[in-house]
Amino acid sequence: MELKPDPGWCAPEVERELPGLSLPQTTIEPVLGRSLTGGSTPAVLARLRHLSDRWRGARVVNVRSEAVPATYRVLYRQIGLDPEQVRTPLEALVLERVLDGGFLSRGLLADVLAIALIDTGAPVWALDDERLQGPLGLRLSREGEPFGRCSGAPDLRQGRLVIADSAASVAILFGALAPGHAPDKQTRRLRLFSVQPPGVSDLHVEEALWQCRSLLAAGG
């Protein structure tokens, strides 16, 4: 199944500082009748067990030297995050695997996002598409703007790198999703997105998004 995601948009001030950074995204409708936050299917659980067996010892220790994780470490430094203190998505997940003795199930959607990350090295996040307005992009937050659209949403300080739609910021880059925008049991349509720095090929990101769409559209 071919998947060509929308590349998203990037505000001029971000593009000047981080040329080539993009936000590939796609919209999917998960299988009806299954909760995204509920338990995973047997097929997804089997994939997690298989991946747990593949990620052991030396590979976990050396993950940061692999090409895709190393590129995300470079991006972290460019945006002011120390990857020795704030782990990149794949490094954080494989560390959990060591501490937990395997990749543990945390619900259908979380498990599918984890499988895509483990297989490709490219992180994927999910938002409730019906609560968004237009394509997602990258920009700097404005002083005092609300984080999301919910009543009582916290204010953001100026200059944070955020993921936004046409009307509001909906996530912090490599951080939290805005209140009220995360998928829940009522979600009928998802917006999946990744963060693609220069040096990570389209194939990795497209494969990560395709895996999520395939598992969720097929019910896992």
Protein backbone atom coordinates (compact mmCIF):
# COMPACT_ATOMS: atom_id res chain seq x y z
CA MET A 1 0.00 0.00 0.00
CA GLU A 2 1.55 3.30 -1.09
CA LEU A 3 1.40 6.19 1.35
CA LYS A 4 2.48 9.70 0.44
CA PRO A 5 1.93 11.89 3.49
CA ASP A 6 1.26 15.60 3.46
CA PRO A 7 4.59 17.31 4.34
CA GLY A 8 2.91 19.92 6.54
CA TRP A 9 4.11 23.52 6.76
CA CYS A 10 6.92 25.32 8.50
CA ALA A 11 6.88 28.96 9.63
CA PRO A 12 9.63 31.10 8.06
CA GLU A 13 11.44 31.70 11.36
CA VAL A 14 11.63 27.93 11.99
CA GLU A 15 12.67 27.17 8.43
CA ARG A 16 15.55 29.64 8.71
CA GLU A 17 16.87 27.97 11.86
CA LEU A 18 16.05 24.36 10.95
CA PRO A 19 16.16 24.08 7.15
CA GLY A 20 14.76 20.85 5.78
CA LEU A 21 12.73 19.93 8.87
CA SER A 22 9.26 18.67 7.94
CA LEU A 23 6.13 17.30 9.56
CA PRO A 24 4.77 14.41 7.45
CA GLN A 25 1.16 13.62 8.33
CA THR A 26 -1.79 11.54 7.22
CA THR A 27 -5.38 11.00 8.29
CA ILE A 28 -6.88 7.57 8.95
CA GLU A 29 -10.12 6.11 10.20
CA PRO A 30 -9.42 3.26 12.65
CA VAL A 31 -11.54 0.16 12.55
CA LEU A 32 -14.96 0.73 14.09
CA GLY A 33 -15.96 -1.05 17.26
CA ARG A 34 -12.51 -1.14 18.87
CA SER A 35 -11.30 1.34 21.49
CA LEU A 36 -8.00 3.05 20.70
CA THR A 37 -7.25 3.28 24.41
CA GLY A 38 -8.36 -0.27 25.19
CA GLY A 39 -6.45 -3.51 25.07
CA SER A 40 -4.44 -4.52 22.02
CA THR A 41 -5.32 -7.31 19.64
CA PRO A 42 -3.49 -10.65 19.75
CA ALA A 43 -1.64 -9.73 16.55
CA VAL A 44 -0.29 -6.49 18.03
CA LEU A 45 0.71 -8.22 21.26
CA ALA A 46 2.54 -10.87 19.24
CA ARG A 47 4.44 -8.14 17.36
CA LEU A 48 5.54 -6.58 20.64
CA ARG A 49 6.81 -9.94 21.91
CA HIS A 50 8.72 -10.50 18.69
CA LEU A 51 10.31 -7.05 18.86
CA SER A 52 11.24 -7.63 22.51
CA ASP A 53 13.22 -10.68 21.42
CA ARG A 54 14.99 -8.70 18.68
CA TRP A 55 16.03 -5.84 20.95
CA ARG A 56 18.47 -7.21 23.48
CA GLY A 57 21.86 -6.46 24.99
CA ALA A 58 24.31 -4.95 22.54
CA ARG A 59 21.69 -3.49 20.20
CA VAL A 60 20.02 -1.59 23.03
CA VAL A 61 23.38 -0.28 24.24
CA ASN A 62 24.41 0.82 20.74
CA VAL A 63 21.07 2.22 19.56
CA ARG A 64 22.27 5.83 19.63
CA SER A 65 24.94 5.04 17.04
CA GLU A 66 22.44 3.75 14.47
CA ALA A 67 21.84 6.16 11.60
CA VAL A 68 18.24 7.22 12.24
CA PRO A 69 18.47 7.59 16.05
CA ALA A 70 21.77 9.49 15.64
CA THR A 71 20.04 11.98 13.32
CA TYR A 72 17.33 12.65 15.92
CA ARG A 73 20.07 13.25 18.50
CA VAL A 74 21.51 15.93 16.21
CA LEU A 75 18.08 17.56 15.88
CA TYR A 76 17.63 17.52 19.66
CA ARG A 77 20.82 19.52 20.07
CA GLN A 78 19.72 21.96 17.36
CA ILE A 79 16.49 22.73 19.20
CA GLY A 80 18.15 23.04 22.60
CA LEU A 81 17.49 19.60 24.06
CA ASP A 82 20.36 17.58 25.52
CA PRO A 83 19.87 13.96 24.36
CA GLU A 84 21.91 12.81 27.34
CA GLN A 85 19.24 14.29 29.62
CA VAL A 86 16.10 14.12 27.46
CA ARG A 87 16.16 10.85 25.54
CA THR A 88 15.05 10.66 21.94
CA PRO A 89 11.85 8.62 21.39
CA LEU A 90 13.53 5.38 20.34
CA GLU A 91 16.21 5.56 23.05
CA ALA A 92 13.53 6.15 25.70
CA LEU A 93 11.48 3.20 24.46
CA VAL A 94 14.33 0.69 24.33
CA LEU A 95 15.44 1.76 27.81
CA GLU A 96 11.93 0.93 29.01
CA ARG A 97 12.33 -2.45 27.33
CA VAL A 98 15.44 -3.12 29.43
CA LEU A 99 13.85 -1.97 32.68
CA ASP A 100 10.58 -3.83 32.06
CA GLY A 101 12.08 -6.97 30.54
CA GLY A 102 10.22 -6.43 27.27
CA PHE A 103 8.03 -4.00 25.38
CA LEU A 104 4.92 -3.93 27.54
CA SER A 105 1.45 -3.31 26.18
CA ARG A 106 0.00 0.12 27.04
CA GLY A 107 -3.17 0.02 24.94
CA LEU A 108 -3.89 -0.42 21.23
CA LEU A 109 -2.91 3.01 19.92
CA ALA A 110 0.17 3.31 22.14
CA ASP A 111 1.30 -0.17 21.09
CA VAL A 112 0.87 0.55 17.38
CA LEU A 113 2.86 3.81 17.67
CA ALA A 114 5.57 1.91 19.57
CA ILE A 115 5.78 -0.82 16.90
CA ALA A 116 6.23 1.77 14.16
CA LEU A 117 8.97 3.53 16.14
CA ILE A 118 10.83 0.31 16.99
CA ASP A 119 10.73 -0.95 13.41
CA THR A 120 11.75 2.29 11.66
CA GLY A 121 13.34 4.61 14.22
CA ALA A 122 10.89 7.36 13.14
CA PRO A 123 8.51 8.52 15.89
CA VAL A 124 4.80 8.91 15.17
CA TRP A 125 2.22 10.78 17.25
CA ALA A 126 -1.58 10.80 16.97
CA LEU A 127 -4.17 13.54 17.44
CA ASP A 128 -7.95 13.53 17.18
CA ASP A 129 -8.43 14.80 13.63
CA GLU A 130 -11.94 16.15 14.25
CA ARG A 131 -10.51 18.63 16.77
CA LEU A 132 -8.02 20.08 14.26
CA GLN A 133 -8.35 22.82 11.66
CA GLY A 134 -6.31 22.27 8.52
CA PRO A 135 -2.79 20.87 8.08
CA LEU A 136 -0.29 20.73 10.93
CA GLY A 137 2.91 22.72 10.88
CA LEU A 138 5.83 23.96 12.97
CA ARG A 139 6.06 27.44 14.44
CA LEU A 140 7.12 29.34 17.56
CA SER A 141 4.58 29.91 20.28
CA ARG A 142 3.32 33.39 21.04
CA GLU A 143 3.47 34.90 24.52
CA GLY A 144 0.45 33.81 26.55
CA GLU A 145 -1.28 31.84 23.79
CA PRO A 146 -3.39 28.94 25.09
CA PHE A 147 -2.07 25.43 24.63
CA GLY A 148 -4.95 23.88 22.70
CA ARG A 149 -8.59 24.89 22.52
CA CYS A 150 -10.00 23.48 25.74
CA SER A 151 -11.52 25.81 28.28
CA GLY A 152 -8.89 26.58 30.89
CA ALA A 153 -6.01 25.49 28.64
CA PRO A 154 -2.64 26.54 30.11
CA ASP A 155 -0.75 29.42 28.53
CA LEU A 156 2.51 28.91 26.66
CA ARG A 157 5.58 31.03 27.07
CA GLN A 158 6.88 32.76 23.99
CA GLY A 159 9.33 31.05 21.65
CA ARG A 160 8.58 27.38 22.23
CA LEU A 161 8.68 25.14 19.18
CA VAL A 162 5.13 23.90 18.76
CA ILE A 163 3.06 21.88 16.35
CA ALA A 164 0.01 23.89 15.35
CA ASP A 165 -2.96 23.83 13.04
CA SER A 166 -4.39 26.97 11.46
CA ALA A 167 -5.84 28.23 14.72
CA ALA A 168 -3.97 26.88 17.77
CA SER A 169 -0.91 25.07 19.04
CA VAL A 170 -1.74 21.40 19.62
CA ALA A 171 1.56 19.85 20.76
CA ILE A 172 5.07 20.74 21.93
CA LEU A 173 7.77 19.52 19.56
CA PHE A 174 8.93 16.20 21.09
CA GLY A 175 6.72 16.98 24.08
CA ALA A 176 3.17 16.87 25.35
CA LEU A 177 -0.03 16.96 23.34
CA ALA A 178 -2.37 19.82 24.14
CA PRO A 179 -5.22 19.02 26.54
CA GLY A 180 -8.29 17.84 24.70
CA HIS A 181 -6.46 16.92 21.48
CA ALA A 182 -5.22 13.43 22.35
CA PRO A 183 -7.29 10.55 20.94
CA ASP A 184 -9.79 8.98 23.30
CA LYS A 185 -12.53 6.35 23.17
CA GLN A 186 -14.76 8.78 21.24
CA THR A 187 -12.20 9.40 18.46
CA ARG A 188 -13.40 8.41 14.99
CA ARG A 189 -10.56 9.79 12.87
CA LEU A 190 -6.85 10.19 13.60
CA ARG A 191 -4.22 12.59 12.36
CA LEU A 192 -0.90 10.76 12.46
CA PHE A 193 2.26 12.84 12.18
CA SER A 194 5.99 12.40 12.40
CA VAL A 195 8.95 14.77 12.70
CA GLN A 196 11.43 14.30 9.86
CA PRO A 197 14.84 15.97 10.10
CA PRO A 198 17.22 16.18 7.15
CA GLY A 199 19.12 12.92 6.93
CA VAL A 200 16.12 10.69 7.69
CA SER A 201 14.80 9.30 4.43
CA ASP A 202 11.19 9.50 3.28
CA LEU A 203 11.12 5.70 3.31
CA HIS A 204 11.57 5.50 7.08
CA VAL A 205 8.81 8.00 7.80
CA GLU A 206 6.40 6.65 5.20
CA GLU A 207 6.94 3.12 6.51
CA ALA A 208 6.24 4.26 10.08
CA LEU A 209 3.00 5.98 9.06
CA TRP A 210 2.00 3.06 6.83
CA GLN A 211 2.51 0.58 9.67
CA CYS A 212 0.26 2.61 11.95
CA ARG A 213 -2.43 2.95 9.29
CA SER A 214 -2.24 -0.73 8.38
CA LEU A 215 -2.51 -2.00 11.97
CA LEU A 216 -5.25 0.42 12.99
CA ALA A 217 -7.32 0.22 9.82
CA ALA A 218 -7.23 -3.55 10.01
CA GLY A 219 -8.04 -3.56 13.70
CA GLY A 220 -4.52 -4.68 14.62
